[in-house]
Amino acid sequence: GVHFARFRIAPRSPTVVTPVRGRPFALGFSVSAANPVLII
């Protein structure tokens, strides 16, 4: 709560996101599945 309550975004130019190959569903699944800390 303290971390999010103090959250601040510094104005900057938009970040360019590099396109990732693969189907969107597989991309979303793999990104979340690659983060096992979610079970904790």
PDB file of all heavy atoms in Angstrom:
ATOM      1  N   GLY A   1       0.811  -1.214   0.000  1.00  0.00           N
ATOM      2  CA  GLY A   1       0.000   0.000   0.000  1.00  0.00           C
ATOM      3  C   GLY A   1       0.840   1.256   0.000  1.00  0.00           C
ATOM      4  O   GLY A   1       0.582   2.198  -0.762  1.00  0.00           O
ATOM      5  N   VAL A   2       1.866   1.283   0.852  1.00  0.00           N
ATOM      6  CA  VAL A   2       2.762   2.446   0.908  1.00  0.00           C
ATOM      7  C   VAL A   2       3.487   2.617  -0.426  1.00  0.00           C
ATOM      8  O   VAL A   2       3.637   3.738  -0.935  1.00  0.00           O
ATOM      9  CB  VAL A   2       3.763   2.292   2.062  1.00  0.00           C
ATOM     10  CG1 VAL A   2       4.838   3.375   1.993  1.00  0.00           C
ATOM     11  CG2 VAL A   2       3.041   2.355   3.406  1.00  0.00           C
ATOM     12  N   HIS A   3       3.935   1.489  -0.987  1.00  0.00           N
ATOM     13  CA  HIS A   3       4.646   1.557  -2.274  1.00  0.00           C
ATOM     14  C   HIS A   3       3.759   2.151  -3.363  1.00  0.00           C
ATOM     15  O   HIS A   3       4.168   3.054  -4.094  1.00  0.00           O
ATOM     16  CB  HIS A   3       5.108   0.162  -2.680  1.00  0.00           C
ATOM     17  CG  HIS A   3       5.689   0.097  -4.057  1.00  0.00           C
ATOM     18  ND1 HIS A   3       6.940   0.609  -4.368  1.00  0.00           N
ATOM     19  CD2 HIS A   3       5.178  -0.395  -5.224  1.00  0.00           C
ATOM     20  CE1 HIS A   3       7.172   0.421  -5.663  1.00  0.00           C
ATOM     21  NE2 HIS A   3       6.134  -0.181  -6.195  1.00  0.00           N
ATOM     22  N   PHE A   4       2.522   1.649  -3.472  1.00  0.00           N
ATOM     23  CA  PHE A   4       1.618   2.147  -4.512  1.00  0.00           C
ATOM     24  C   PHE A   4       1.142   3.563  -4.216  1.00  0.00           C
ATOM     25  O   PHE A   4       0.938   4.361  -5.133  1.00  0.00           O
ATOM     26  CB  PHE A   4       0.428   1.215  -4.671  1.00  0.00           C
ATOM     27  CG  PHE A   4       0.753  -0.068  -5.381  1.00  0.00           C
ATOM     28  CD1 PHE A   4       0.359  -1.292  -4.865  1.00  0.00           C
ATOM     29  CD2 PHE A   4       1.460  -0.059  -6.568  1.00  0.00           C
ATOM     30  CE1 PHE A   4       0.662  -2.475  -5.511  1.00  0.00           C
ATOM     31  CE2 PHE A   4       1.771  -1.226  -7.229  1.00  0.00           C
ATOM     32  CZ  PHE A   4       1.377  -2.440  -6.699  1.00  0.00           C
ATOM     33  N   ALA A   5       0.936   3.887  -2.924  1.00  0.00           N
ATOM     34  CA  ALA A   5       0.465   5.232  -2.580  1.00  0.00           C
ATOM     35  C   ALA A   5       1.502   6.291  -2.942  1.00  0.00           C
ATOM     36  O   ALA A   5       1.147   7.452  -3.182  1.00  0.00           O
ATOM     37  CB  ALA A   5       0.129   5.306  -1.094  1.00  0.00           C
ATOM     38  N   ARG A   6       2.776   5.910  -2.974  1.00  0.00           N
ATOM     39  CA  ARG A   6       3.850   6.864  -3.316  1.00  0.00           C
ATOM     40  C   ARG A   6       4.263   6.756  -4.781  1.00  0.00           C
ATOM     41  O   ARG A   6       5.223   7.393  -5.201  1.00  0.00           O
ATOM     42  CB  ARG A   6       5.059   6.598  -2.430  1.00  0.00           C
ATOM     43  CG  ARG A   6       4.782   6.764  -0.939  1.00  0.00           C
ATOM     44  CD  ARG A   6       6.006   6.426  -0.111  1.00  0.00           C
ATOM     45  NE  ARG A   6       7.111   7.295  -0.440  1.00  0.00           N
ATOM     46  CZ  ARG A   6       8.355   7.107   0.007  1.00  0.00           C
ATOM     47  NH1 ARG A   6       8.631   6.082   0.789  1.00  0.00           N
ATOM     48  NH2 ARG A   6       9.316   7.946  -0.327  1.00  0.00           N
ATOM     49  N   PHE A   7       3.525   5.954  -5.547  1.00  0.00           N
ATOM     50  CA  PHE A   7       3.881   5.713  -6.942  1.00  0.00           C
ATOM     51  C   PHE A   7       3.832   7.007  -7.744  1.00  0.00           C
ATOM     52  O   PHE A   7       2.928   7.815  -7.604  1.00  0.00           O
ATOM     53  CB  PHE A   7       2.921   4.693  -7.549  1.00  0.00           C
ATOM     54  CG  PHE A   7       3.268   4.285  -8.954  1.00  0.00           C
ATOM     55  CD1 PHE A   7       4.296   3.400  -9.193  1.00  0.00           C
ATOM     56  CD2 PHE A   7       2.558   4.789 -10.027  1.00  0.00           C
ATOM     57  CE1 PHE A   7       4.605   3.010 -10.480  1.00  0.00           C
ATOM     58  CE2 PHE A   7       2.860   4.411 -11.318  1.00  0.00           C
ATOM     59  CZ  PHE A   7       3.889   3.520 -11.545  1.00  0.00           C
ATOM     60  N   ARG A   8       4.825   7.181  -8.589  1.00  0.00           N
ATOM     61  CA  ARG A   8       4.885   8.385  -9.416  1.00  0.00           C
ATOM     62  C   ARG A   8       5.463   8.044 -10.772  1.00  0.00           C
ATOM     63  O   ARG A   8       6.455   7.316 -10.869  1.00  0.00           O
ATOM     64  CB  ARG A   8       5.749   9.452  -8.739  1.00  0.00           C
ATOM     65  CG  ARG A   8       5.780  10.768  -9.499  1.00  0.00           C
ATOM     66  CD  ARG A   8       6.530  11.828  -8.717  1.00  0.00           C
ATOM     67  NE  ARG A   8       6.501  13.104  -9.399  1.00  0.00           N
ATOM     68  CZ  ARG A   8       7.063  14.211  -8.932  1.00  0.00           C
ATOM     69  NH1 ARG A   8       7.694  14.173  -7.760  1.00  0.00           N
ATOM     70  NH2 ARG A   8       6.993  15.335  -9.608  1.00  0.00           N
ATOM     71  N   ILE A   9       4.816   8.540 -11.814  1.00  0.00           N
ATOM     72  CA  ILE A   9       5.288   8.318 -13.175  1.00  0.00           C
ATOM     73  C   ILE A   9       5.963   9.582 -13.666  1.00  0.00           C
ATOM     74  O   ILE A   9       5.362  10.654 -13.681  1.00  0.00           O
ATOM     75  CB  ILE A   9       4.125   7.965 -14.120  1.00  0.00           C
ATOM     76  CG1 ILE A   9       3.402   6.707 -13.605  1.00  0.00           C
ATOM     77  CG2 ILE A   9       4.620   7.740 -15.536  1.00  0.00           C
ATOM     78  CD1 ILE A   9       2.198   6.337 -14.432  1.00  0.00           C
ATOM     79  N   ALA A  10       7.203   9.445 -14.057  1.00  0.00           N
ATOM     80  CA  ALA A  10       7.933  10.596 -14.584  1.00  0.00           C
ATOM     81  C   ALA A  10       7.570  10.789 -16.048  1.00  0.00           C
ATOM     82  O   ALA A  10       7.637   9.848 -16.838  1.00  0.00           O
ATOM     83  CB  ALA A  10       9.439  10.375 -14.451  1.00  0.00           C
ATOM     84  N   PRO A  11       7.150  11.991 -16.439  1.00  0.00           N
ATOM     85  CA  PRO A  11       6.809  12.232 -17.850  1.00  0.00           C
ATOM     86  C   PRO A  11       7.989  11.952 -18.752  1.00  0.00           C
ATOM     87  O   PRO A  11       9.122  12.348 -18.466  1.00  0.00           O
ATOM     88  CB  PRO A  11       6.444  13.721 -17.870  1.00  0.00           C
ATOM     89  CG  PRO A  11       6.055  14.030 -16.467  1.00  0.00           C
ATOM     90  CD  PRO A  11       6.949  13.185 -15.609  1.00  0.00           C
ATOM     91  N   ARG A  12       7.755  11.231 -19.815  1.00  0.00           N
ATOM     92  CA  ARG A  12       8.811  10.917 -20.760  1.00  0.00           C
ATOM     93  C   ARG A  12       8.173  10.536 -22.087  1.00  0.00           C
ATOM     94  O   ARG A  12       6.969  10.358 -22.184  1.00  0.00           O
ATOM     95  CB  ARG A  12       9.685   9.773 -20.250  1.00  0.00           C
ATOM     96  CG  ARG A  12       8.933   8.466 -20.064  1.00  0.00           C
ATOM     97  CD  ARG A  12       9.807   7.464 -19.346  1.00  0.00           C
ATOM     98  NE  ARG A  12       9.123   6.197 -19.188  1.00  0.00           N
ATOM     99  CZ  ARG A  12       9.478   5.281 -18.322  1.00  0.00           C
ATOM    100  NH1 ARG A  12      10.491   5.500 -17.511  1.00  0.00           N
ATOM    101  NH2 ARG A  12       8.832   4.138 -18.243  1.00  0.00           N
ATOM    102  N   SER A  13       9.001  10.363 -23.074  1.00  0.00           N
ATOM    103  CA  SER A  13       8.489   9.983 -24.384  1.00  0.00           C
ATOM    104  C   SER A  13       7.987   8.557 -24.337  1.00  0.00           C
ATOM    105  O   SER A  13       8.499   7.729 -23.575  1.00  0.00           O
ATOM    106  CB  SER A  13       9.606  10.096 -25.429  1.00  0.00           C
ATOM    107  OG  SER A  13      10.695   9.273 -25.061  1.00  0.00           O
ATOM    108  N   PRO A  14       6.964   8.249 -25.130  1.00  0.00           N
ATOM    109  CA  PRO A  14       6.396   6.899 -25.129  1.00  0.00           C
ATOM    110  C   PRO A  14       7.443   5.833 -25.393  1.00  0.00           C
ATOM    111  O   PRO A  14       8.320   5.988 -26.239  1.00  0.00           O
ATOM    112  CB  PRO A  14       5.360   6.939 -26.259  1.00  0.00           C
ATOM    113  CG  PRO A  14       5.035   8.390 -26.422  1.00  0.00           C
ATOM    114  CD  PRO A  14       6.303   9.139 -26.094  1.00  0.00           C
ATOM    115  N   THR A  15       7.350   4.748 -24.649  1.00  0.00           N
ATOM    116  CA  THR A  15       8.277   3.643 -24.820  1.00  0.00           C
ATOM    117  C   THR A  15       7.885   2.836 -26.043  1.00  0.00           C
ATOM    118  O   THR A  15       6.722   2.510 -26.237  1.00  0.00           O
ATOM    119  CB  THR A  15       8.249   2.728 -23.585  1.00  0.00           C
ATOM    120  OG1 THR A  15       8.600   3.517 -22.447  1.00  0.00           O
ATOM    121  CG2 THR A  15       9.220   1.570 -23.739  1.00  0.00           C
ATOM    122  N   VAL A  16       8.870   2.519 -26.851  1.00  0.00           N
ATOM    123  CA  VAL A  16       8.620   1.713 -28.027  1.00  0.00           C
ATOM    124  C   VAL A  16       8.661   0.251 -27.625  1.00  0.00           C
ATOM    125  O   VAL A  16       9.662  -0.238 -27.113  1.00  0.00           O
ATOM    126  CB  VAL A  16       9.672   1.988 -29.132  1.00  0.00           C
ATOM    127  CG1 VAL A  16       9.426   1.090 -30.334  1.00  0.00           C
ATOM    128  CG2 VAL A  16       9.635   3.460 -29.532  1.00  0.00           C
ATOM    129  N   VAL A  17       7.563  -0.447 -27.840  1.00  0.00           N
ATOM    130  CA  VAL A  17       7.478  -1.856 -27.499  1.00  0.00           C
ATOM    131  C   VAL A  17       7.826  -2.681 -28.722  1.00  0.00           C
ATOM    132  O   VAL A  17       7.213  -2.535 -29.776  1.00  0.00           O
ATOM    133  CB  VAL A  17       6.061  -2.221 -27.003  1.00  0.00           C
ATOM    134  CG1 VAL A  17       5.983  -3.701 -26.669  1.00  0.00           C
ATOM    135  CG2 VAL A  17       5.705  -1.360 -25.802  1.00  0.00           C
ATOM    136  N   THR A  18       8.823  -3.541 -28.581  1.00  0.00           N
ATOM    137  CA  THR A  18       9.241  -4.363 -29.699  1.00  0.00           C
ATOM    138  C   THR A  18       8.231  -5.467 -29.938  1.00  0.00           C
ATOM    139  O   THR A  18       7.885  -6.201 -29.009  1.00  0.00           O
ATOM    140  CB  THR A  18      10.615  -5.010 -29.396  1.00  0.00           C
ATOM    141  OG1 THR A  18      11.554  -3.968 -29.118  1.00  0.00           O
ATOM    142  CG2 THR A  18      11.096  -5.836 -30.586  1.00  0.00           C
ATOM    143  N   PRO A  19       7.739  -5.593 -31.141  1.00  0.00           N
ATOM    144  CA  PRO A  19       6.763  -6.648 -31.416  1.00  0.00           C
ATOM    145  C   PRO A  19       7.335  -8.023 -31.107  1.00  0.00           C
ATOM    146  O   PRO A  19       8.503  -8.304 -31.394  1.00  0.00           O
ATOM    147  CB  PRO A  19       6.491  -6.490 -32.921  1.00  0.00           C
ATOM    148  CG  PRO A  19       6.862  -5.071 -33.233  1.00  0.00           C
ATOM    149  CD  PRO A  19       8.013  -4.761 -32.330  1.00  0.00           C
ATOM    150  N   VAL A  20       6.534  -8.872 -30.524  1.00  0.00           N
ATOM    151  CA  VAL A  20       6.951 -10.228 -30.197  1.00  0.00           C
ATOM    152  C   VAL A  20       6.192 -11.189 -31.089  1.00  0.00           C
ATOM    153  O   VAL A  20       4.968 -11.124 -31.185  1.00  0.00           O
ATOM    154  CB  VAL A  20       6.662 -10.543 -28.707  1.00  0.00           C
ATOM    155  CG1 VAL A  20       7.146 -11.942 -28.365  1.00  0.00           C
ATOM    156  CG2 VAL A  20       7.325  -9.508 -27.816  1.00  0.00           C
ATOM    157  N   ARG A  21       6.926 -12.104 -31.696  1.00  0.00           N
ATOM    158  CA  ARG A  21       6.285 -13.046 -32.599  1.00  0.00           C
ATOM    159  C   ARG A  21       5.487 -14.081 -31.809  1.00  0.00           C
ATOM    160  O   ARG A  21       5.811 -14.431 -30.689  1.00  0.00           O
ATOM    161  CB  ARG A  21       7.345 -13.750 -33.446  1.00  0.00           C
ATOM    162  CG  ARG A  21       8.046 -12.806 -34.432  1.00  0.00           C
ATOM    163  CD  ARG A  21       9.002 -13.577 -35.310  1.00  0.00           C
ATOM    164  NE  ARG A  21       9.661 -12.713 -36.277  1.00  0.00           N
ATOM    165  CZ  ARG A  21      10.542 -13.141 -37.173  1.00  0.00           C
ATOM    166  NH1 ARG A  21      10.884 -14.413 -37.218  1.00  0.00           N
ATOM    167  NH2 ARG A  21      11.089 -12.288 -38.012  1.00  0.00           N
ATOM    168  N   GLY A  22       4.488 -14.634 -32.451  1.00  0.00           N
ATOM    169  CA  GLY A  22       3.686 -15.661 -31.803  1.00  0.00           C
ATOM    170  C   GLY A  22       2.249 -15.226 -31.646  1.00  0.00           C
ATOM    171  O   GLY A  22       1.911 -14.054 -31.752  1.00  0.00           O
ATOM    172  N   ARG A  23       1.397 -16.187 -31.417  1.00  0.00           N
ATOM    173  CA  ARG A  23      -0.018 -15.892 -31.242  1.00  0.00           C
ATOM    174  C   ARG A  23      -0.229 -15.127 -29.945  1.00  0.00           C
ATOM    175  O   ARG A  23       0.435 -15.390 -28.940  1.00  0.00           O
ATOM    176  CB  ARG A  23      -0.804 -17.190 -31.240  1.00  0.00           C
ATOM    177  CG  ARG A  23      -0.734 -17.943 -32.567  1.00  0.00           C
ATOM    178  CD  ARG A  23      -1.529 -19.242 -32.482  1.00  0.00           C
ATOM    179  NE  ARG A  23      -1.450 -19.985 -33.738  1.00  0.00           N
ATOM    180  CZ  ARG A  23      -2.240 -19.780 -34.784  1.00  0.00           C
ATOM    181  NH1 ARG A  23      -3.170 -18.834 -34.726  1.00  0.00           N
ATOM    182  NH2 ARG A  23      -2.113 -20.483 -35.880  1.00  0.00           N
ATOM    183  N   PRO A  24      -1.176 -14.186 -29.918  1.00  0.00           N
ATOM    184  CA  PRO A  24      -1.407 -13.387 -28.710  1.00  0.00           C
ATOM    185  C   PRO A  24      -1.719 -14.228 -27.473  1.00  0.00           C
ATOM    186  O   PRO A  24      -1.203 -13.958 -26.387  1.00  0.00           O
ATOM    187  CB  PRO A  24      -2.590 -12.502 -29.109  1.00  0.00           C
ATOM    188  CG  PRO A  24      -2.482 -12.377 -30.593  1.00  0.00           C
ATOM    189  CD  PRO A  24      -1.973 -13.701 -31.057  1.00  0.00           C
ATOM    190  N   PHE A  25      -2.562 -15.272 -27.618  1.00  0.00           N
ATOM    191  CA  PHE A  25      -2.906 -16.099 -26.465  1.00  0.00           C
ATOM    192  C   PHE A  25      -1.669 -16.769 -25.887  1.00  0.00           C
ATOM    193  O   PHE A  25      -1.441 -16.764 -24.670  1.00  0.00           O
ATOM    194  CB  PHE A  25      -3.934 -17.162 -26.863  1.00  0.00           C
ATOM    195  CG  PHE A  25      -4.367 -18.038 -25.718  1.00  0.00           C
ATOM    196  CD1 PHE A  25      -5.449 -17.687 -24.925  1.00  0.00           C
ATOM    197  CD2 PHE A  25      -3.679 -19.207 -25.428  1.00  0.00           C
ATOM    198  CE1 PHE A  25      -5.854 -18.494 -23.860  1.00  0.00           C
ATOM    199  CE2 PHE A  25      -4.068 -20.023 -24.377  1.00  0.00           C
ATOM    200  CZ  PHE A  25      -5.150 -19.661 -23.591  1.00  0.00           C
ATOM    201  N   ALA A  26      -0.847 -17.342 -26.768  1.00  0.00           N
ATOM    202  CA  ALA A  26       0.372 -18.010 -26.316  1.00  0.00           C
ATOM    203  C   ALA A  26       1.335 -17.012 -25.680  1.00  0.00           C
ATOM    204  O   ALA A  26       2.022 -17.331 -24.699  1.00  0.00           O
ATOM    205  CB  ALA A  26       1.046 -18.724 -27.486  1.00  0.00           C
ATOM    206  N   LEU A  27       1.372 -15.798 -26.227  1.00  0.00           N
ATOM    207  CA  LEU A  27       2.241 -14.765 -25.664  1.00  0.00           C
ATOM    208  C   LEU A  27       1.813 -14.415 -24.248  1.00  0.00           C
ATOM    209  O   LEU A  27       2.629 -14.378 -23.321  1.00  0.00           O
ATOM    210  CB  LEU A  27       2.210 -13.527 -26.551  1.00  0.00           C
ATOM    211  CG  LEU A  27       2.962 -12.294 -26.045  1.00  0.00           C
ATOM    212  CD1 LEU A  27       4.448 -12.620 -25.866  1.00  0.00           C
ATOM    213  CD2 LEU A  27       2.779 -11.122 -26.999  1.00  0.00           C
ATOM    214  N   GLY A  28       0.523 -14.151 -24.058  1.00  0.00           N
ATOM    215  CA  GLY A  28       0.032 -13.811 -22.731  1.00  0.00           C
ATOM    216  C   GLY A  28       0.236 -14.943 -21.743  1.00  0.00           C
ATOM    217  O   GLY A  28       0.646 -14.720 -20.596  1.00  0.00           O
ATOM    218  N   PHE A  29      -0.040 -16.178 -22.182  1.00  0.00           N
ATOM    219  CA  PHE A  29       0.118 -17.339 -21.297  1.00  0.00           C
ATOM    220  C   PHE A  29       1.573 -17.507 -20.888  1.00  0.00           C
ATOM    221  O   PHE A  29       1.889 -17.729 -19.713  1.00  0.00           O
ATOM    222  CB  PHE A  29      -0.381 -18.597 -21.991  1.00  0.00           C
ATOM    223  CG  PHE A  29      -0.389 -19.820 -21.115  1.00  0.00           C
ATOM    224  CD1 PHE A  29      -1.522 -20.160 -20.386  1.00  0.00           C
ATOM    225  CD2 PHE A  29       0.733 -20.620 -21.000  1.00  0.00           C
ATOM    226  CE1 PHE A  29      -1.530 -21.276 -19.566  1.00  0.00           C
ATOM    227  CE2 PHE A  29       0.744 -21.729 -20.179  1.00  0.00           C
ATOM    228  CZ  PHE A  29      -0.395 -22.067 -19.460  1.00  0.00           C
ATOM    229  N   SER A  30       2.480 -17.400 -21.852  1.00  0.00           N
ATOM    230  CA  SER A  30       3.894 -17.636 -21.563  1.00  0.00           C
ATOM    231  C   SER A  30       4.479 -16.558 -20.653  1.00  0.00           C
ATOM    232  O   SER A  30       5.310 -16.852 -19.787  1.00  0.00           O
ATOM    233  CB  SER A  30       4.702 -17.713 -22.870  1.00  0.00           C
ATOM    234  OG  SER A  30       4.607 -16.486 -23.588  1.00  0.00           O
ATOM    235  N   VAL A  31       4.046 -15.313 -20.837  1.00  0.00           N
ATOM    236  CA  VAL A  31       4.559 -14.228 -19.991  1.00  0.00           C
ATOM    237  C   VAL A  31       4.159 -14.446 -18.541  1.00  0.00           C
ATOM    238  O   VAL A  31       4.976 -14.306 -17.619  1.00  0.00           O
ATOM    239  CB  VAL A  31       4.055 -12.861 -20.501  1.00  0.00           C
ATOM    240  CG1 VAL A  31       4.356 -11.767 -19.481  1.00  0.00           C
ATOM    241  CG2 VAL A  31       4.710 -12.518 -21.831  1.00  0.00           C
ATOM    242  N   SER A  32       2.898 -14.813 -18.295  1.00  0.00           N
ATOM    243  CA  SER A  32       2.445 -15.064 -16.925  1.00  0.00           C
ATOM    244  C   SER A  32       3.035 -16.353 -16.371  1.00  0.00           C
ATOM    245  O   SER A  32       3.433 -16.416 -15.206  1.00  0.00           O
ATOM    246  CB  SER A  32       0.916 -15.136 -16.868  1.00  0.00           C
ATOM    247  OG  SER A  32       0.356 -13.848 -16.964  1.00  0.00           O
ATOM    248  N   ALA A  33       3.093 -17.400 -17.204  1.00  0.00           N
ATOM    249  CA  ALA A  33       3.629 -18.683 -16.744  1.00  0.00           C
ATOM    250  C   ALA A  33       5.105 -18.585 -16.400  1.00  0.00           C
ATOM    251  O   ALA A  33       5.609 -19.339 -15.561  1.00  0.00           O
ATOM    252  CB  ALA A  33       3.407 -19.752 -17.810  1.00  0.00           C
ATOM    253  N   ALA A  34       5.804 -17.649 -17.025  1.00  0.00           N
ATOM    254  CA  ALA A  34       7.230 -17.478 -16.758  1.00  0.00           C
ATOM    255  C   ALA A  34       7.493 -16.715 -15.465  1.00  0.00           C
ATOM    256  O   ALA A  34       8.646 -16.431 -15.140  1.00  0.00           O
ATOM    257  CB  ALA A  34       7.896 -16.752 -17.920  1.00  0.00           C
ATOM    258  N   ASN A  35       6.435 -16.393 -14.736  1.00  0.00           N
ATOM    259  CA  ASN A  35       6.564 -15.650 -13.481  1.00  0.00           C
ATOM    260  C   ASN A  35       6.021 -16.501 -12.331  1.00  0.00           C
ATOM    261  O   ASN A  35       4.931 -16.239 -11.807  1.00  0.00           O
ATOM    262  CB  ASN A  35       5.795 -14.324 -13.580  1.00  0.00           C
ATOM    263  CG  ASN A  35       5.989 -13.460 -12.352  1.00  0.00           C
ATOM    264  OD1 ASN A  35       6.935 -13.647 -11.583  1.00  0.00           O
ATOM    265  ND2 ASN A  35       5.083 -12.522 -12.135  1.00  0.00           N
ATOM    266  N   PRO A  36       6.773 -17.536 -11.898  1.00  0.00           N
ATOM    267  CA  PRO A  36       6.281 -18.444 -10.851  1.00  0.00           C
ATOM    268  C   PRO A  36       6.092 -17.780  -9.499  1.00  0.00           C
ATOM    269  O   PRO A  36       5.468 -18.364  -8.608  1.00  0.00           O
ATOM    270  CB  PRO A  36       7.380 -19.519 -10.777  1.00  0.00           C
ATOM    271  CG  PRO A  36       8.600 -18.857 -11.313  1.00  0.00           C
ATOM    272  CD  PRO A  36       8.111 -17.908 -12.366  1.00  0.00           C
ATOM    273  N   VAL A  37       6.587 -16.546  -9.339  1.00  0.00           N
ATOM    274  CA  VAL A  37       6.359 -15.844  -8.077  1.00  0.00           C
ATOM    275  C   VAL A  37       4.875 -15.586  -7.863  1.00  0.00           C
ATOM    276  O   VAL A  37       4.442 -15.306  -6.734  1.00  0.00           O
ATOM    277  CB  VAL A  37       7.149 -14.519  -8.054  1.00  0.00           C
ATOM    278  CG1 VAL A  37       6.489 -13.474  -8.945  1.00  0.00           C
ATOM    279  CG2 VAL A  37       7.291 -13.990  -6.632  1.00  0.00           C
ATOM    280  N   LEU A  38       4.075 -15.713  -8.919  1.00  0.00           N
ATOM    281  CA  LEU A  38       2.630 -15.529  -8.784  1.00  0.00           C
ATOM    282  C   LEU A  38       2.021 -16.524  -7.800  1.00  0.00           C
ATOM    283  O   LEU A  38       1.059 -16.201  -7.100  1.00  0.00           O
ATOM    284  CB  LEU A  38       1.947 -15.673 -10.149  1.00  0.00           C
ATOM    285  CG  LEU A  38       2.155 -14.522 -11.137  1.00  0.00           C
ATOM    286  CD1 LEU A  38       1.577 -14.875 -12.499  1.00  0.00           C
ATOM    287  CD2 LEU A  38       1.527 -13.244 -10.605  1.00  0.00           C
ATOM    288  N   ILE A  39       2.578 -17.741  -7.737  1.00  0.00           N
ATOM    289  CA  ILE A  39       2.021 -18.716  -6.803  1.00  0.00           C
ATOM    290  C   ILE A  39       2.282 -18.282  -5.366  1.00  0.00           C
ATOM    291  O   ILE A  39       1.470 -18.523  -4.467  1.00  0.00           O
ATOM    292  CB  ILE A  39       2.597 -20.124  -7.068  1.00  0.00           C
ATOM    293  CG1 ILE A  39       1.734 -21.163  -6.352  1.00  0.00           C
ATOM    294  CG2 ILE A  39       4.039 -20.223  -6.642  1.00  0.00           C
ATOM    295  CD1 ILE A  39       2.078 -22.595  -6.725  1.00  0.00           C
ATOM    296  N   ILE A  40       3.414 -17.596  -5.149  1.00  0.00           N
ATOM    297  CA  ILE A  40       3.705 -17.075  -3.816  1.00  0.00           C
ATOM    298  C   ILE A  40       2.772 -15.913  -3.498  1.00  0.00           C
ATOM    299  O   ILE A  40       2.244 -15.793  -2.387  1.00  0.00           O
ATOM    300  CB  ILE A  40       5.176 -16.626  -3.735  1.00  0.00           C
ATOM    301  CG1 ILE A  40       6.104 -17.818  -4.011  1.00  0.00           C
ATOM    302  CG2 ILE A  40       5.485 -16.011  -2.375  1.00  0.00           C
ATOM    303  CD1 ILE A  40       7.571 -17.445  -4.055  1.00  0.00           C
TER     304      ILE A  40
END
